[in-house]
C-alpha cells in the first residue's frame, strides 16, 4: 500500500450536521442552511454499489447550490466501486467525501460495511486510498470508538493510525462503541455509554490529526467546551429535531454578526423553493416533514405541526395555506 504524509484540511469545519438516514436529504439541508451558513452538511449515506448500478444517479447525487459546504457520505467495502463513486462525487461538485465506518444497521453490516468494518482496518485503509487516488477532494471518515468486544483504546488508536497513513483527512469519532449483537440502530444511539474521554485521549495521542467528536451534543455551549480539546463537533438528532435551538452557530462558533432566524421568516424564505418542488411534481410532505420541526417550544406548537402534517400528507397543502400558518407564527413573534 502506498504511504501518504498525514494530510490536513485548511480551516477545518468546527461544526457539522451528521449524516442521518431518512433525515438529511436535500430538503432538510436547505432548511438547516437557513439556520447556519457555515456548518458542514452531509448527505445521507449512499451505498457505492447502488450508485454505480442505478440508472438514476441524479436521485442520489443532486443537491442545491445553496447547500455548500457539503460532504457526500459513502458506504461500501469494494475499492473499485469506491473509485468510481469518488470520481462521480468530484464531477457532481461536492466539497468532500466521507467514508462510513460507524453505521450499526444489521442490513449495512451484513454487506460488510458500516461499523463492522472497524474489525478490518487494512480493508478500510485500502478503501480510503482508493477514494484519495481518484479525486482531489478531502476524504474523511466517520467511525465509532469500537465495536462489540473489540473496544480497547489500543485497537482504536491502531485503527486510526493505519487509516491516517492511507490518507484520511479528518476523523469524526462517535464517542460510543457499536454493539452489533443485540442492539438495533436506534438503541445504538443511546445505550452504549458516551466516552468523550476516549476521543480526547485519541487526539492527545495523535495531535497532528484532525479529530472531530460526535454523540450526545444538545446545545452550543457543550460544543464550545468540546472545541477546547478537539478540532470539531458533529451534531446529529438534536439538529434534526430542534433545528432552531442551533440558530446561534454562526454567531457563537464562527464570530458572524447575529441575524434573526425565526420560524416564520425561515418558512417564508423557503416558499419559492417549495413552489418549485411542487411544479416539478414533488410532494409538499417531502419538505414539510422536516419543516414542522422548526415549530417547537411555542403556544399550540403541536396543533400547528399537526395541521400542516395532515394537509401535507393528504396532498391538500397549498402555498397560500402554508403562508397563512407562517403569518400566525409571525404575529406571535416566532
Protein backbone atom coordinates (compact mmCIF):
# COMPACT_ATOMS: atom_id res chain seq x y z
CA UNK A 1 0.00 0.00 0.00
CA UNK A 2 1.21 3.48 -0.91
CA UNK A 3 2.23 5.57 2.12
CA UNK A 4 0.91 9.11 2.47
CA UNK A 5 2.01 12.02 4.56
CA UNK A 6 -0.67 12.96 7.06
CA UNK A 7 -2.96 15.50 5.38
CA UNK A 8 -4.83 18.37 6.96
CA UNK A 9 -7.76 20.40 5.71
CA UNK A 10 -7.33 24.15 5.72
CA UNK A 11 -9.84 25.88 8.02
CA UNK A 12 -11.34 22.69 9.44
CA UNK A 13 -15.10 22.71 9.97
CA UNK A 14 -15.75 23.38 13.64
CA UNK A 15 -19.42 22.34 13.47
CA UNK A 16 -21.11 19.83 11.20
CA UNK A 17 -24.56 18.28 10.99
CA UNK A 18 -24.33 14.50 10.90
CA UNK A 19 -25.43 12.29 8.03
CA UNK A 20 -28.71 10.67 9.14
CA UNK A 21 -30.69 8.15 7.11
CA UNK A 22 -34.20 9.38 6.20
CA UNK A 23 -33.34 12.81 7.62
CA UNK A 24 -30.51 14.67 5.92
CA UNK A 25 -31.90 14.83 2.40
CA UNK A 26 -31.55 17.95 0.25
CA UNK A 27 -34.76 19.47 1.62
CA UNK A 28 -33.64 19.26 5.24
CA UNK A 29 -30.25 20.62 4.22
CA UNK A 30 -31.95 23.66 2.65
CA UNK A 31 -33.74 24.28 5.95
CA UNK A 32 -30.63 23.90 8.11
CA UNK A 33 -28.71 26.17 5.72
CA UNK A 34 -31.15 28.95 6.65
CA UNK A 35 -30.02 28.43 10.25
CA UNK A 36 -26.27 28.23 9.63
CA UNK A 37 -24.36 29.31 6.55
CA UNK A 38 -21.12 27.88 7.95
CA UNK A 39 -21.79 24.38 9.34
CA UNK A 40 -20.67 21.49 7.14
CA UNK A 41 -23.66 19.46 5.92
CA UNK A 42 -23.78 15.81 4.84
CA UNK A 43 -25.86 13.69 2.53
CA UNK A 44 -27.50 10.54 3.82
CA UNK A 45 -25.20 7.55 3.42
CA UNK A 46 -25.07 6.38 -0.20
CA UNK A 47 -24.03 2.79 -0.85
CA UNK A 48 -21.35 2.93 -3.54
CA UNK A 49 -22.61 -0.23 -5.23
CA UNK A 50 -26.15 1.19 -5.51
CA UNK A 51 -24.79 4.37 -7.05
CA UNK A 52 -22.70 2.53 -9.62
CA UNK A 53 -25.55 0.35 -10.86
CA UNK A 54 -28.50 2.74 -10.81
CA UNK A 55 -29.79 4.41 -13.97
CA UNK A 56 -30.99 7.38 -11.90
CA UNK A 57 -27.76 8.71 -10.45
CA UNK A 58 -29.23 12.18 -10.03
CA UNK A 59 -31.64 10.77 -7.44
CA UNK A 60 -28.63 10.02 -5.23
CA UNK A 61 -26.37 12.91 -6.21
CA UNK A 62 -28.43 16.03 -6.91
CA UNK A 63 -28.26 18.90 -4.47
CA UNK A 64 -28.97 22.65 -4.40
CA UNK A 65 -26.11 25.09 -4.87
CA UNK A 66 -27.08 26.82 -1.59
CA UNK A 67 -26.11 23.70 0.38
CA UNK A 68 -22.33 24.22 0.21
CA UNK A 69 -20.17 23.32 2.06
CA UNK A 70 -21.47 19.79 1.53
CA UNK A 71 -19.92 16.36 2.10
CA UNK A 72 -21.16 13.19 0.44
CA UNK A 73 -21.04 10.07 2.58
CA UNK A 74 -20.35 6.68 1.00
CA UNK A 75 -20.73 3.20 2.42
CA UNK A 76 -19.08 0.14 0.92
CA UNK A 77 -16.06 -2.12 1.07
CA UNK A 78 -15.12 -2.52 -2.59
CA UNK A 79 -12.21 -0.20 -3.52
CA UNK A 80 -13.03 -0.43 -7.23
CA UNK A 81 -16.59 0.76 -6.72
CA UNK A 82 -15.46 3.49 -4.32
CA UNK A 83 -13.03 4.63 -7.02
CA UNK A 84 -15.95 5.19 -9.41
CA UNK A 85 -18.02 6.82 -6.68
CA UNK A 86 -15.18 9.25 -5.88
CA UNK A 87 -14.98 10.38 -9.50
CA UNK A 88 -18.73 10.98 -9.58
CA UNK A 89 -18.67 12.95 -6.33
CA UNK A 90 -16.00 15.26 -7.70
CA UNK A 91 -17.72 15.66 -11.07
CA UNK A 92 -21.02 16.45 -9.34
CA UNK A 93 -19.44 19.26 -7.32
CA UNK A 94 -19.29 18.02 -3.73
CA UNK A 95 -16.83 19.64 -1.32
CA UNK A 96 -15.57 16.44 0.31
CA UNK A 97 -16.15 12.70 0.61
CA UNK A 98 -16.86 10.91 3.88
CA UNK A 99 -16.49 7.15 4.36
CA UNK A 100 -18.93 5.45 6.75
CA UNK A 101 -17.44 3.01 9.25
CA UNK A 102 -19.92 3.79 12.01
CA UNK A 103 -23.41 2.72 10.96
CA UNK A 104 -24.66 -0.15 13.17
CA UNK A 105 -27.59 -1.19 10.96
CA UNK A 106 -27.78 -5.01 10.56
CA UNK A 107 -28.62 -4.51 6.87
CA UNK A 108 -25.49 -2.41 6.41
CA UNK A 109 -23.24 -4.69 8.44
CA UNK A 110 -24.45 -7.79 6.61
CA UNK A 111 -22.99 -6.18 3.49
CA UNK A 112 -19.69 -5.86 5.38
CA UNK A 113 -19.63 -2.11 5.65
CA UNK A 114 -20.54 0.39 8.31
CA UNK A 115 -19.36 -0.30 11.87
CA UNK A 116 -18.43 -3.92 11.19
CA UNK A 117 -15.53 -2.66 9.06
CA UNK A 118 -13.76 -1.39 12.18
CA UNK A 119 -12.63 -5.00 12.59
CA UNK A 120 -10.76 -4.73 9.27
CA UNK A 121 -8.54 -1.63 9.38
CA UNK A 122 -6.44 -2.76 6.43
CA UNK A 123 -9.54 -3.04 4.25
CA UNK A 124 -10.70 0.38 5.42
CA UNK A 125 -7.27 1.82 4.60
CA UNK A 126 -7.48 0.39 1.07
CA UNK A 127 -10.92 1.98 0.65
CA UNK A 128 -9.63 5.36 1.80
CA UNK A 129 -6.64 5.05 -0.52
CA UNK A 130 -8.93 4.25 -3.43
CA UNK A 131 -11.04 7.34 -2.74
CA UNK A 132 -7.95 9.54 -2.36
CA UNK A 133 -6.35 8.28 -5.58
CA UNK A 134 -9.36 9.09 -7.72
CA UNK A 135 -10.32 12.62 -6.76
CA UNK A 136 -8.78 15.82 -5.43
CA UNK A 137 -11.39 16.25 -2.69
CA UNK A 138 -10.69 15.86 1.03
CA UNK A 139 -11.55 12.31 2.11
CA UNK A 140 -12.74 11.88 5.69
CA UNK A 141 -14.01 9.00 7.81
CA UNK A 142 -16.74 8.59 10.42
CA UNK A 143 -16.41 5.71 12.88
CA UNK A 144 -17.08 4.52 16.43
CA UNK A 145 -14.67 4.08 19.34
CA UNK A 146 -15.04 0.31 18.97
CA UNK A 147 -17.37 -2.50 18.02
CA UNK A 148 -18.77 -5.23 20.28
CA UNK A 149 -15.98 -6.69 22.44
CA UNK A 150 -13.27 -5.10 20.27
CA UNK A 151 -13.29 -1.78 22.09
CA UNK A 152 -9.85 -1.30 23.63
CA UNK A 153 -8.12 2.04 23.20
CA UNK A 154 -5.12 0.32 21.63
CA UNK A 155 -7.32 -1.14 18.88
CA UNK A 156 -8.91 2.26 18.24
CA UNK A 157 -5.56 4.03 18.15
CA UNK A 158 -4.09 1.41 15.82
CA UNK A 159 -7.15 1.67 13.52
CA UNK A 160 -6.82 5.45 13.28
CA UNK A 161 -3.07 5.35 12.63
CA UNK A 162 -3.42 2.83 9.80
CA UNK A 163 -6.26 4.77 8.18
CA UNK A 164 -4.37 8.06 8.59
CA UNK A 165 -1.42 6.55 6.75
CA UNK A 166 -3.78 5.77 3.87
CA UNK A 167 -4.55 9.49 3.56
CA UNK A 168 -7.70 10.20 5.61
CA UNK A 169 -8.02 13.96 6.12
CA UNK A 170 -10.33 14.03 9.15
CA UNK A 171 -11.64 11.53 11.70
CA UNK A 172 -15.17 12.01 13.02
CA UNK A 173 -15.45 9.76 16.06
CA UNK A 174 -18.82 8.82 17.52
CA UNK A 175 -17.91 8.54 21.20
CA UNK A 176 -19.86 5.30 21.67
CA UNK A 177 -18.94 1.81 20.62
CA UNK A 178 -21.32 -0.05 18.32
CA UNK A 179 -22.99 -3.15 19.73
CA UNK A 180 -23.91 -5.19 16.68
CA UNK A 181 -25.06 -8.23 18.62
CA UNK A 182 -28.30 -7.42 20.40
CA UNK A 183 -28.98 -3.72 19.78
CA UNK A 184 -30.82 -2.09 16.89
CA UNK A 185 -29.60 1.19 15.30
CA UNK A 186 -31.82 3.36 17.49
CA UNK A 187 -30.59 1.64 20.66
CA UNK A 188 -27.01 2.04 19.44
CA UNK A 189 -27.51 5.82 19.53
CA UNK A 190 -28.34 5.82 23.24
CA UNK A 191 -27.48 2.61 25.13
CA UNK A 192 -23.70 2.26 24.71
CA UNK A 193 -22.28 4.88 27.09
CA UNK A 194 -20.69 8.04 25.73
CA UNK A 195 -16.95 8.14 26.39
CA UNK A 196 -15.74 11.59 25.43
CA UNK A 197 -12.50 10.95 27.33
CA UNK A 198 -11.58 8.21 24.82
CA UNK A 199 -11.85 10.65 21.91
CA UNK A 200 -9.87 13.27 23.84
CA UNK A 201 -7.15 10.69 24.53
CA UNK A 202 -7.13 9.76 20.84
CA UNK A 203 -6.47 13.40 19.93
CA UNK A 204 -3.67 13.67 22.51
CA UNK A 205 -2.10 10.52 21.09
CA UNK A 206 -2.40 11.87 17.54
CA UNK A 207 -2.01 15.66 17.80
CA UNK A 208 -1.32 16.13 14.08
CA UNK A 209 -4.60 14.52 13.03
CA UNK A 210 -7.86 16.43 12.67
CA UNK A 211 -10.23 14.71 15.08
CA UNK A 212 -13.89 15.67 15.45
CA UNK A 213 -16.26 14.31 18.10
CA UNK A 214 -19.86 13.14 17.67
CA UNK A 215 -22.51 11.87 20.06
CA UNK A 216 -24.95 13.40 22.52
CA UNK A 217 -24.42 17.12 21.88
CA UNK A 218 -27.62 19.10 22.54
CA UNK A 219 -26.50 22.76 22.77
CA UNK A 220 -23.86 25.18 21.56
CA UNK A 221 -22.21 25.61 24.96
CA UNK A 222 -21.39 21.88 25.03
CA UNK A 223 -19.81 22.25 21.59
CA UNK A 224 -17.73 25.25 22.62
CA UNK A 225 -16.40 23.27 25.58
CA UNK A 226 -15.55 20.26 23.37
CA UNK A 227 -13.69 22.52 20.93
CA UNK A 228 -11.15 23.27 23.67
CA UNK A 229 -9.79 19.73 23.20
CA UNK A 230 -10.90 18.67 19.71
CA UNK A 231 -10.95 20.06 16.19
CA UNK A 232 -14.68 19.85 15.51
CA UNK A 233 -18.07 18.78 16.82
CA UNK A 234 -20.70 16.91 14.83
CA UNK A 235 -24.30 17.33 15.97
CA UNK A 236 -26.99 14.86 14.98
CA UNK A 237 -30.52 14.19 16.22
CA UNK A 238 -30.71 17.44 18.18
CA UNK A 239 -30.12 19.46 14.99
CA UNK A 240 -32.81 17.47 13.21
CA UNK A 241 -35.48 17.52 15.92
CA UNK A 242 -34.79 21.01 17.26
CA UNK A 243 -33.12 22.98 14.44
CA UNK A 244 -33.81 26.46 15.81
CA UNK A 245 -32.00 25.65 19.04
CA UNK A 246 -28.87 25.88 16.86
CA UNK A 247 -29.62 29.31 15.41
CA UNK A 248 -26.55 30.89 17.02
CA UNK A 249 -23.94 28.58 15.44
CA UNK A 250 -22.61 31.23 13.06
CA UNK A 251 -22.52 33.87 15.79
CA UNK A 252 -21.03 31.88 18.68
CA UNK A 253 -18.77 29.46 16.78
CA UNK A 254 -17.72 31.49 13.74
CA UNK A 255 -17.96 35.07 15.02
CA UNK A 256 -20.55 36.18 12.45
CA UNK A 257 -22.89 39.09 13.16
CA UNK A 258 -26.16 37.87 14.73
CA UNK A 259 -29.10 37.52 12.34
CA UNK A 260 -32.77 36.99 13.13
CA UNK A 261 -33.77 33.38 12.49
CA UNK A 262 -37.41 32.98 13.44
CA UNK A 263 -39.51 30.02 12.29
CA UNK A 264 -41.89 32.26 10.32
CA UNK A 265 -39.02 34.00 8.50
CA UNK A 266 -37.43 30.70 7.52
CA UNK A 267 -40.75 29.33 6.23
CA UNK A 268 -41.43 32.48 4.19
CA UNK A 269 -37.91 32.32 2.72
CA UNK A 270 -38.49 28.70 1.64
CA UNK A 271 -41.78 29.37 -0.19
CA UNK A 272 -40.13 29.80 -3.63
CA UNK A 273 -38.19 26.59 -3.08
CA UNK A 274 -41.38 24.70 -2.11
CA UNK A 275 -43.25 26.14 -5.11
CA UNK A 276 -40.50 24.97 -7.46
CA UNK A 277 -40.54 21.49 -5.89
CA UNK A 278 -44.32 21.24 -6.38
CA UNK A 279 -44.06 22.40 -10.00
CA UNK A 280 -41.55 19.60 -10.57
CA UNK A 281 -44.19 17.12 -9.36
CA UNK A 282 -42.71 16.81 -5.89
CA UNK A 283 -44.89 16.43 -2.82
CA UNK A 284 -45.19 19.04 -0.09
CA UNK A 285 -44.60 16.36 2.56
CA UNK A 286 -41.08 15.82 1.16
CA UNK A 287 -40.23 19.20 2.68
CA UNK A 288 -42.86 19.68 5.39
CA UNK A 289 -41.85 16.52 7.27
CA UNK A 290 -38.66 18.44 8.10
CA UNK A 291 -40.16 21.93 8.21
CA UNK A 292 -42.53 21.18 11.08
CA UNK A 293 -39.55 20.71 13.41
CA UNK A 294 -38.95 24.47 13.25
CA UNK A 295 -42.09 24.95 15.34
CA UNK A 296 -41.48 23.89 18.93
CA UNK A 297 -41.48 25.47 22.35
CA UNK A 298 -44.27 27.92 21.44
CA UNK A 299 -48.02 28.02 22.28
CA UNK A 300 -50.02 25.34 20.43
CA UNK A 301 -46.92 24.15 18.57
CA UNK A 302 -48.26 20.59 18.41
CA UNK A 303 -51.56 21.80 16.89
CA UNK A 304 -49.67 23.84 14.28
CA UNK A 305 -47.48 20.86 13.34
CA UNK A 306 -50.47 18.50 13.16
CA UNK A 307 -52.41 20.83 10.86
CA UNK A 308 -49.51 21.20 8.44
CA UNK A 309 -48.71 17.48 8.60
CA UNK A 310 -52.28 16.34 7.96
CA UNK A 311 -52.83 18.61 4.97
CA UNK A 312 -49.40 17.85 3.57
CA UNK A 313 -49.74 14.06 3.84
CA UNK A 314 -53.17 14.27 2.16
CA UNK A 315 -51.62 16.45 -0.57
CA UNK A 316 -54.05 19.23 0.32
CA UNK A 317 -51.46 21.79 1.47
CA UNK A 318 -51.45 24.95 -0.65
CA UNK A 319 -48.76 27.62 -0.60
CA UNK A 320 -51.43 30.12 0.50
CA UNK A 321 -52.34 27.96 3.49
CA UNK A 322 -48.69 27.48 4.47
CA UNK A 323 -48.13 31.25 4.21
CA UNK A 324 -51.21 31.86 6.35
CA UNK A 325 -49.88 29.49 9.02
CA UNK A 326 -46.48 31.18 8.88
CA UNK A 327 -48.21 34.54 9.36
CA UNK A 328 -49.81 33.17 12.52
CA UNK A 329 -46.35 32.42 13.87
CA UNK A 330 -45.13 35.85 12.83
CA UNK A 331 -47.97 37.59 14.70
CA UNK A 332 -46.98 35.66 17.84
CA UNK A 333 -43.39 36.82 17.44
CA UNK A 334 -41.97 33.47 16.28
